[in-house]
Amino acid sequence: MIRCGLLLLVMSSGVLPAMSQSVPLIQKKSIGLAAAKKMVAAAEAEALKNKWALSISVVDDAGNLVYFEKMDGARLSTIAISQAKARTAAQYQTATKGLEENLSKGKMSVMALPNSIALQGGLPVIVDGQVVGAIAGSGAKGEEDEQCAQAGIDALMK
């Protein structure tokens, strides 16, 4: 009886506020499967138009793979590279081109960034000022990979 009374006293006094008050949660947008497929289809169309064989990856805002496609003729190495480019663009919220440029300028600190790759071709996807994911291509020259990734973003924004 005393324990029950003590528990009621503690609960009514506000000593346990986490149990009695709701805490607001952060709301954020993220890339879903339908959006990822739309982006990859547009990136693939751009690659086909230019006769490039790419692997194309789309990740969510945390860098987790949402959708992936390896085009016929794309080298096996492009699978891991496209995923790394997309993950880097999402997690560092920047185009991977900037990392590659910094590295080429001798800024070796870029190599110390965890879970990153300093190769052009990965772009963050920004909606309402917020990074919601990223897309990347691998298999052509860096600027061509980025061109295909941009085509994917452009299709999403239409």
N, C-alpha and C. Protein backbone atom coordinates (compact mmCIF):
# COMPACT_ATOMS: atom_id res chain seq x y z
N MET A 1 0.83 -1.19 0.00
CA MET A 1 0.00 0.00 0.00
C MET A 1 0.87 1.25 0.00
N ILE A 2 1.94 1.23 0.81
CA ILE A 2 2.83 2.39 0.88
C ILE A 2 3.52 2.58 -0.47
N ARG A 3 3.95 1.47 -1.09
CA ARG A 3 4.62 1.57 -2.40
C ARG A 3 3.68 2.15 -3.45
N CYS A 4 2.46 1.74 -3.45
CA CYS A 4 1.48 2.22 -4.42
C CYS A 4 1.25 3.71 -4.22
N GLY A 5 1.14 4.14 -2.98
CA GLY A 5 0.96 5.56 -2.67
C GLY A 5 2.17 6.38 -3.09
N LEU A 6 3.38 5.83 -2.87
CA LEU A 6 4.60 6.52 -3.25
C LEU A 6 4.69 6.67 -4.76
N LEU A 7 4.32 5.65 -5.50
CA LEU A 7 4.33 5.70 -6.96
C LEU A 7 3.35 6.77 -7.46
N LEU A 8 2.17 6.82 -6.89
CA LEU A 8 1.20 7.83 -7.28
C LEU A 8 1.71 9.23 -6.96
N LEU A 9 2.38 9.40 -5.84
CA LEU A 9 2.93 10.69 -5.44
C LEU A 9 4.02 11.13 -6.42
N VAL A 10 4.90 10.22 -6.80
CA VAL A 10 5.99 10.52 -7.73
C VAL A 10 5.41 10.88 -9.10
N MET A 11 4.45 10.12 -9.57
CA MET A 11 3.87 10.36 -10.89
C MET A 11 3.12 11.69 -10.92
N SER A 12 2.41 12.03 -9.87
CA SER A 12 1.63 13.26 -9.86
C SER A 12 2.49 14.49 -9.61
N SER A 13 3.69 14.31 -9.09
CA SER A 13 4.55 15.45 -8.79
C SER A 13 5.36 15.91 -10.00
N GLY A 14 5.36 15.16 -11.09
CA GLY A 14 6.09 15.55 -12.28
C GLY A 14 7.54 15.11 -12.27
N VAL A 15 7.92 14.22 -11.38
CA VAL A 15 9.29 13.73 -11.32
C VAL A 15 9.60 12.87 -12.54
N LEU A 16 8.61 12.28 -13.15
CA LEU A 16 8.78 11.45 -14.34
C LEU A 16 8.17 12.14 -15.56
N PRO A 17 8.71 13.29 -15.98
CA PRO A 17 8.07 14.04 -17.06
C PRO A 17 8.09 13.33 -18.41
N ALA A 18 9.08 12.49 -18.65
CA ALA A 18 9.16 11.82 -19.94
C ALA A 18 7.99 10.88 -20.15
N MET A 19 7.45 10.36 -19.08
CA MET A 19 6.33 9.44 -19.20
C MET A 19 5.02 10.18 -19.41
N SER A 20 4.93 11.43 -18.97
CA SER A 20 3.65 12.11 -19.01
C SER A 20 3.56 13.17 -20.11
N GLN A 21 4.66 13.51 -20.77
CA GLN A 21 4.63 14.54 -21.80
C GLN A 21 5.07 13.94 -23.13
N SER A 22 4.44 14.41 -24.20
CA SER A 22 4.88 13.92 -25.51
C SER A 22 6.07 14.75 -25.98
N VAL A 23 6.94 14.11 -26.69
CA VAL A 23 8.14 14.76 -27.22
C VAL A 23 7.95 14.87 -28.74
N PRO A 24 8.14 16.08 -29.31
CA PRO A 24 7.96 16.22 -30.76
C PRO A 24 9.04 15.46 -31.52
N LEU A 25 8.64 14.85 -32.61
CA LEU A 25 9.57 14.13 -33.47
C LEU A 25 9.89 14.97 -34.69
N ILE A 26 11.07 14.79 -35.23
CA ILE A 26 11.48 15.49 -36.43
C ILE A 26 10.77 14.85 -37.62
N GLN A 27 10.25 15.67 -38.49
CA GLN A 27 9.65 15.17 -39.72
C GLN A 27 10.57 15.52 -40.86
N LYS A 28 10.83 14.56 -41.74
CA LYS A 28 11.71 14.80 -42.87
C LYS A 28 11.22 14.02 -44.08
N LYS A 29 11.62 14.52 -45.24
CA LYS A 29 11.30 13.84 -46.48
C LYS A 29 12.46 12.92 -46.83
N SER A 30 12.16 11.87 -47.55
CA SER A 30 13.19 10.95 -48.01
C SER A 30 12.75 10.34 -49.33
N ILE A 31 13.70 9.88 -50.10
CA ILE A 31 13.40 9.28 -51.40
C ILE A 31 12.78 7.90 -51.21
N GLY A 32 11.64 7.68 -51.86
CA GLY A 32 11.00 6.38 -51.84
C GLY A 32 11.31 5.62 -53.13
N LEU A 33 10.83 4.41 -53.21
CA LEU A 33 11.12 3.54 -54.34
C LEU A 33 10.61 4.10 -55.67
N ALA A 34 9.40 4.63 -55.69
CA ALA A 34 8.85 5.17 -56.95
C ALA A 34 9.70 6.32 -57.47
N ALA A 35 10.11 7.22 -56.59
CA ALA A 35 10.95 8.35 -56.98
C ALA A 35 12.31 7.85 -57.48
N ALA A 36 12.86 6.87 -56.77
CA ALA A 36 14.17 6.33 -57.16
C ALA A 36 14.10 5.68 -58.54
N LYS A 37 13.05 4.93 -58.81
CA LYS A 37 12.89 4.29 -60.12
C LYS A 37 12.75 5.33 -61.23
N LYS A 38 12.03 6.40 -60.96
CA LYS A 38 11.86 7.47 -61.95
C LYS A 38 13.20 8.11 -62.26
N MET A 39 14.00 8.35 -61.24
CA MET A 39 15.31 8.97 -61.43
C MET A 39 16.24 8.05 -62.23
N VAL A 40 16.25 6.79 -61.88
CA VAL A 40 17.14 5.84 -62.58
C VAL A 40 16.72 5.69 -64.03
N ALA A 41 15.43 5.68 -64.31
CA ALA A 41 14.96 5.56 -65.69
C ALA A 41 15.45 6.75 -66.53
N ALA A 42 15.41 7.94 -65.97
CA ALA A 42 15.87 9.13 -66.69
C ALA A 42 17.40 9.12 -66.85
N ALA A 43 18.10 8.70 -65.82
CA ALA A 43 19.56 8.60 -65.90
C ALA A 43 19.97 7.57 -66.94
N GLU A 44 19.26 6.45 -66.96
CA GLU A 44 19.55 5.41 -67.95
C GLU A 44 19.28 5.91 -69.37
N ALA A 45 18.18 6.63 -69.56
CA ALA A 45 17.86 7.17 -70.89
C ALA A 45 18.97 8.10 -71.38
N GLU A 46 19.49 8.92 -70.46
CA GLU A 46 20.59 9.82 -70.82
C GLU A 46 21.84 9.02 -71.20
N ALA A 47 22.11 7.98 -70.46
CA ALA A 47 23.28 7.14 -70.75
C ALA A 47 23.11 6.42 -72.09
N LEU A 48 21.94 5.88 -72.34
CA LEU A 48 21.68 5.19 -73.61
C LEU A 48 21.81 6.14 -74.80
N LYS A 49 21.29 7.35 -74.64
CA LYS A 49 21.35 8.36 -75.70
C LYS A 49 22.81 8.64 -76.10
N ASN A 50 23.70 8.56 -75.11
CA ASN A 50 25.11 8.86 -75.34
C ASN A 50 25.98 7.61 -75.49
N LYS A 51 25.33 6.44 -75.47
CA LYS A 51 26.03 5.15 -75.63
C LYS A 51 27.04 4.89 -74.51
N TRP A 52 26.62 5.20 -73.27
CA TRP A 52 27.43 4.91 -72.09
C TRP A 52 26.77 3.77 -71.33
N ALA A 53 27.57 2.86 -70.79
CA ALA A 53 27.05 1.76 -69.97
C ALA A 53 27.39 2.05 -68.51
N LEU A 54 26.37 2.31 -67.72
CA LEU A 54 26.57 2.73 -66.33
C LEU A 54 25.91 1.79 -65.33
N SER A 55 26.38 1.89 -64.11
CA SER A 55 25.63 1.44 -62.94
C SER A 55 25.10 2.71 -62.31
N ILE A 56 23.85 2.67 -61.86
CA ILE A 56 23.19 3.85 -61.31
C ILE A 56 22.61 3.48 -59.95
N SER A 57 22.93 4.28 -58.95
CA SER A 57 22.46 4.02 -57.59
C SER A 57 21.71 5.23 -57.04
N VAL A 58 20.66 4.95 -56.29
CA VAL A 58 19.92 5.99 -55.56
C VAL A 58 19.88 5.56 -54.10
N VAL A 59 20.22 6.50 -53.21
CA VAL A 59 20.20 6.24 -51.77
C VAL A 59 19.29 7.24 -51.08
N ASP A 60 18.89 6.91 -49.85
CA ASP A 60 18.09 7.85 -49.06
C ASP A 60 19.02 8.86 -48.38
N ASP A 61 18.46 9.70 -47.54
CA ASP A 61 19.24 10.77 -46.92
C ASP A 61 20.34 10.26 -45.98
N ALA A 62 20.24 9.04 -45.53
CA ALA A 62 21.27 8.46 -44.67
C ALA A 62 22.31 7.67 -45.47
N GLY A 63 22.11 7.57 -46.77
CA GLY A 63 23.05 6.84 -47.61
C GLY A 63 22.71 5.38 -47.81
N ASN A 64 21.53 4.97 -47.39
CA ASN A 64 21.11 3.57 -47.57
C ASN A 64 20.53 3.37 -48.97
N LEU A 65 20.92 2.28 -49.60
CA LEU A 65 20.49 2.00 -50.97
C LEU A 65 18.97 1.85 -51.05
N VAL A 66 18.38 2.59 -51.99
CA VAL A 66 16.94 2.49 -52.26
C VAL A 66 16.71 1.73 -53.56
N TYR A 67 17.52 2.04 -54.58
CA TYR A 67 17.34 1.40 -55.88
C TYR A 67 18.66 1.41 -56.63
N PHE A 68 18.89 0.34 -57.39
CA PHE A 68 20.14 0.19 -58.13
C PHE A 68 19.85 -0.47 -59.47
N GLU A 69 20.64 -0.06 -60.49
CA GLU A 69 20.53 -0.70 -61.79
C GLU A 69 21.92 -0.74 -62.44
N LYS A 70 22.26 -1.90 -62.98
CA LYS A 70 23.50 -2.05 -63.75
C LYS A 70 23.08 -2.27 -65.20
N MET A 71 23.46 -1.34 -66.05
CA MET A 71 23.11 -1.44 -67.46
C MET A 71 23.95 -2.54 -68.12
N ASP A 72 23.42 -3.11 -69.17
CA ASP A 72 24.18 -4.09 -69.94
C ASP A 72 25.49 -3.45 -70.41
N GLY A 73 26.57 -4.17 -70.22
CA GLY A 73 27.87 -3.67 -70.64
C GLY A 73 28.64 -2.90 -69.59
N ALA A 74 28.00 -2.55 -68.49
CA ALA A 74 28.70 -1.82 -67.43
C ALA A 74 29.65 -2.78 -66.70
N ARG A 75 30.84 -2.31 -66.40
CA ARG A 75 31.83 -3.14 -65.71
C ARG A 75 31.36 -3.45 -64.29
N LEU A 76 31.79 -4.59 -63.77
CA LEU A 76 31.41 -4.99 -62.42
C LEU A 76 31.87 -3.98 -61.37
N SER A 77 33.02 -3.38 -61.57
CA SER A 77 33.54 -2.41 -60.60
C SER A 77 32.62 -1.21 -60.44
N THR A 78 31.79 -0.92 -61.44
CA THR A 78 30.91 0.25 -61.37
C THR A 78 29.80 0.09 -60.34
N ILE A 79 29.51 -1.15 -59.96
CA ILE A 79 28.45 -1.39 -58.97
C ILE A 79 28.82 -0.73 -57.65
N ALA A 80 29.96 -1.10 -57.10
CA ALA A 80 30.39 -0.55 -55.80
C ALA A 80 30.70 0.94 -55.90
N ILE A 81 31.26 1.36 -57.04
CA ILE A 81 31.63 2.77 -57.17
C ILE A 81 30.39 3.66 -57.22
N SER A 82 29.36 3.26 -57.97
CA SER A 82 28.15 4.09 -58.03
C SER A 82 27.47 4.18 -56.67
N GLN A 83 27.47 3.09 -55.93
CA GLN A 83 26.86 3.11 -54.60
C GLN A 83 27.67 3.99 -53.65
N ALA A 84 28.99 3.94 -53.75
CA ALA A 84 29.85 4.77 -52.90
C ALA A 84 29.68 6.25 -53.23
N LYS A 85 29.57 6.57 -54.51
CA LYS A 85 29.37 7.97 -54.91
C LYS A 85 28.04 8.50 -54.37
N ALA A 86 26.98 7.72 -54.50
CA ALA A 86 25.67 8.15 -54.01
C ALA A 86 25.68 8.31 -52.49
N ARG A 87 26.26 7.34 -51.81
CA ARG A 87 26.34 7.40 -50.34
C ARG A 87 27.11 8.65 -49.89
N THR A 88 28.23 8.92 -50.56
CA THR A 88 29.04 10.09 -50.22
C THR A 88 28.26 11.38 -50.43
N ALA A 89 27.58 11.49 -51.57
CA ALA A 89 26.81 12.70 -51.87
C ALA A 89 25.70 12.93 -50.84
N ALA A 90 25.06 11.86 -50.39
CA ALA A 90 23.99 12.00 -49.40
C ALA A 90 24.55 12.35 -48.03
N GLN A 91 25.53 11.61 -47.58
CA GLN A 91 26.03 11.80 -46.22
C GLN A 91 26.79 13.11 -46.04
N TYR A 92 27.50 13.56 -47.08
CA TYR A 92 28.24 14.81 -46.98
C TYR A 92 27.48 15.98 -47.60
N GLN A 93 26.29 15.69 -48.13
CA GLN A 93 25.38 16.69 -48.68
C GLN A 93 26.06 17.60 -49.70
N THR A 94 26.81 16.99 -50.59
CA THR A 94 27.53 17.74 -51.61
C THR A 94 27.78 16.85 -52.83
N ALA A 95 28.02 17.50 -53.95
CA ALA A 95 28.40 16.76 -55.15
C ALA A 95 29.80 16.17 -54.95
N THR A 96 29.98 14.95 -55.38
CA THR A 96 31.29 14.31 -55.20
C THR A 96 32.37 14.97 -56.06
N LYS A 97 31.97 15.74 -57.04
CA LYS A 97 32.92 16.47 -57.88
C LYS A 97 33.81 17.37 -57.01
N GLY A 98 33.22 18.03 -56.03
CA GLY A 98 33.98 18.92 -55.16
C GLY A 98 35.06 18.19 -54.39
N LEU A 99 34.75 16.99 -53.94
CA LEU A 99 35.76 16.20 -53.22
C LEU A 99 36.90 15.82 -54.16
N GLU A 100 36.55 15.42 -55.39
CA GLU A 100 37.58 15.06 -56.36
C GLU A 100 38.46 16.27 -56.69
N GLU A 101 37.85 17.43 -56.86
CA GLU A 101 38.62 18.64 -57.16
C GLU A 101 39.56 19.00 -56.01
N ASN A 102 39.06 18.89 -54.77
CA ASN A 102 39.92 19.19 -53.62
C ASN A 102 41.10 18.23 -53.55
N LEU A 103 40.85 16.97 -53.84
CA LEU A 103 41.92 15.98 -53.82
C LEU A 103 42.95 16.29 -54.92
N SER A 104 42.47 16.67 -56.09
CA SER A 104 43.40 16.98 -57.19
C SER A 104 44.21 18.24 -56.90
N LYS A 105 43.71 19.09 -56.01
CA LYS A 105 44.45 20.29 -55.61
C LYS A 105 45.43 20.00 -54.47
N GLY A 106 45.50 18.73 -54.08
CA GLY A 106 46.45 18.34 -53.05
C GLY A 106 45.90 18.35 -51.63
N LYS A 107 44.60 18.55 -51.49
CA LYS A 107 43.99 18.54 -50.15
C LYS A 107 43.76 17.08 -49.74
N MET A 108 44.81 16.50 -49.20
CA MET A 108 44.79 15.08 -48.85
C MET A 108 43.82 14.75 -47.72
N SER A 109 43.37 15.75 -46.98
CA SER A 109 42.43 15.51 -45.88
C SER A 109 41.13 14.88 -46.38
N VAL A 110 40.83 15.06 -47.66
CA VAL A 110 39.63 14.45 -48.26
C VAL A 110 39.68 12.93 -48.10
N MET A 111 40.86 12.37 -48.16
CA MET A 111 41.00 10.92 -48.06
C MET A 111 40.66 10.40 -46.66
N ALA A 112 40.63 11.29 -45.68
CA ALA A 112 40.34 10.88 -44.31
C ALA A 112 38.85 10.87 -44.01
N LEU A 113 38.03 11.35 -44.92
CA LEU A 113 36.59 11.36 -44.68
C LEU A 113 36.06 9.93 -44.66
N PRO A 114 35.41 9.54 -43.58
CA PRO A 114 34.93 8.15 -43.51
C PRO A 114 33.82 7.86 -44.51
N ASN A 115 33.82 6.65 -45.02
CA ASN A 115 32.77 6.18 -45.93
C ASN A 115 32.55 7.12 -47.11
N SER A 116 33.63 7.58 -47.72
CA SER A 116 33.49 8.51 -48.84
C SER A 116 34.35 8.07 -50.01
N ILE A 117 34.02 8.61 -51.17
CA ILE A 117 34.82 8.39 -52.37
C ILE A 117 34.90 9.73 -53.10
N ALA A 118 36.10 10.08 -53.51
CA ALA A 118 36.34 11.38 -54.14
C ALA A 118 36.39 11.23 -55.66
N LEU A 119 35.27 10.81 -56.24
CA LEU A 119 35.15 10.67 -57.69
C LEU A 119 33.87 11.35 -58.15
N GLN A 120 33.95 12.14 -59.20
CA GLN A 120 32.80 12.85 -59.73
C GLN A 120 31.73 11.88 -60.21
N GLY A 121 30.48 12.26 -60.01
CA GLY A 121 29.37 11.45 -60.51
C GLY A 121 28.23 11.28 -59.53
N GLY A 122 28.43 11.73 -58.27
CA GLY A 122 27.37 11.63 -57.27
C GLY A 122 26.81 13.00 -56.95
N LEU A 123 25.48 13.10 -56.89
CA LEU A 123 24.81 14.37 -56.60
C LEU A 123 23.78 14.20 -55.50
N PRO A 124 23.72 15.14 -54.56
CA PRO A 124 22.65 15.09 -53.56
C PRO A 124 21.33 15.50 -54.22
N VAL A 125 20.24 14.95 -53.73
CA VAL A 125 18.91 15.34 -54.20
C VAL A 125 18.33 16.25 -53.12
N ILE A 126 18.05 17.49 -53.51
CA ILE A 126 17.60 18.51 -52.56
C ILE A 126 16.17 18.90 -52.88
N VAL A 127 15.30 18.77 -51.87
CA VAL A 127 13.89 19.14 -52.00
C VAL A 127 13.56 20.10 -50.86
N ASP A 128 13.05 21.26 -51.20
CA ASP A 128 12.71 22.29 -50.22
C ASP A 128 13.89 22.60 -49.30
N GLY A 129 15.08 22.67 -49.89
CA GLY A 129 16.28 23.01 -49.14
C GLY A 129 16.84 21.90 -48.27
N GLN A 130 16.28 20.72 -48.36
CA GLN A 130 16.70 19.59 -47.53
C GLN A 130 17.21 18.44 -48.40
N VAL A 131 18.34 17.86 -48.03
CA VAL A 131 18.86 16.70 -48.75
C VAL A 131 17.99 15.50 -48.39
N VAL A 132 17.37 14.91 -49.41
CA VAL A 132 16.47 13.77 -49.19
C VAL A 132 17.09 12.46 -49.67
N GLY A 133 18.26 12.56 -50.30
CA GLY A 133 18.94 11.38 -50.81
C GLY A 133 19.99 11.80 -51.82
N ALA A 134 20.40 10.86 -52.65
CA ALA A 134 21.40 11.15 -53.67
C ALA A 134 21.30 10.12 -54.79
N ILE A 135 21.86 10.50 -55.94
CA ILE A 135 21.93 9.62 -57.10
C ILE A 135 23.34 9.70 -57.65
N ALA A 136 23.81 8.58 -58.19
CA ALA A 136 25.15 8.56 -58.78
C ALA A 136 25.21 7.56 -59.91
N GLY A 137 26.10 7.85 -60.84
CA GLY A 137 26.39 6.94 -61.92
C GLY A 137 27.87 6.62 -61.92
N SER A 138 28.21 5.47 -62.49
CA SER A 138 29.60 5.08 -62.65
C SER A 138 29.71 4.22 -63.89
N GLY A 139 30.75 4.47 -64.69
CA GLY A 139 30.97 3.67 -65.89
C GLY A 139 31.47 4.48 -67.06
N ALA A 140 31.27 5.79 -67.02
CA ALA A 140 31.76 6.68 -68.06
C ALA A 140 32.77 7.62 -67.41
N LYS A 141 33.10 8.72 -68.06
CA LYS A 141 33.93 9.74 -67.43
C LYS A 141 33.13 10.39 -66.30
N GLY A 142 33.81 10.95 -65.32
CA GLY A 142 33.13 11.54 -64.18
C GLY A 142 32.07 12.55 -64.55
N GLU A 143 32.39 13.43 -65.50
CA GLU A 143 31.41 14.45 -65.90
C GLU A 143 30.22 13.82 -66.61
N GLU A 144 30.43 12.70 -67.28
CA GLU A 144 29.33 12.01 -67.95
C GLU A 144 28.46 11.27 -66.94
N ASP A 145 29.09 10.68 -65.93
CA ASP A 145 28.34 10.05 -64.83
C ASP A 145 27.45 11.10 -64.17
N GLU A 146 28.03 12.28 -63.92
CA GLU A 146 27.27 13.36 -63.27
C GLU A 146 26.14 13.86 -64.17
N GLN A 147 26.39 13.93 -65.47
CA GLN A 147 25.36 14.35 -66.43
C GLN A 147 24.15 13.43 -66.33
N CYS A 148 24.38 12.13 -66.22
CA CYS A 148 23.28 11.17 -66.10
C CYS A 148 22.57 11.31 -64.76
N ALA A 149 23.34 11.52 -63.70
CA ALA A 149 22.74 11.73 -62.38
C ALA A 149 21.86 12.97 -62.39
N GLN A 150 22.34 14.04 -63.03
CA GLN A 150 21.55 15.27 -63.12
C GLN A 150 20.26 15.04 -63.89
N ALA A 151 20.32 14.23 -64.94
CA ALA A 151 19.10 13.90 -65.69
C ALA A 151 18.08 13.21 -64.79
N GLY A 152 18.56 12.37 -63.88
CA GLY A 152 17.68 11.72 -62.93
C GLY A 152 17.03 12.71 -61.99
N ILE A 153 17.81 13.65 -61.49
CA ILE A 153 17.26 14.68 -60.60
C ILE A 153 16.26 15.55 -61.34
N ASP A 154 16.60 15.94 -62.57
CA ASP A 154 15.70 16.77 -63.37
C ASP A 154 14.35 16.09 -63.58
N ALA A 155 14.37 14.79 -63.81
CA ALA A 155 13.12 14.05 -64.01
C ALA A 155 12.28 14.04 -62.73
N LEU A 156 12.92 13.93 -61.60
CA LEU A 156 12.20 13.92 -60.33
C LEU A 156 11.54 15.27 -60.06
N MET A 157 12.20 16.34 -60.45
CA MET A 157 11.70 17.69 -60.15
C MET A 157 10.60 18.16 -61.10
N LYS A 158 10.35 17.40 -62.17
CA LYS A 158 9.30 17.79 -63.13
C LYS A 158 7.93 17.56 -62.56
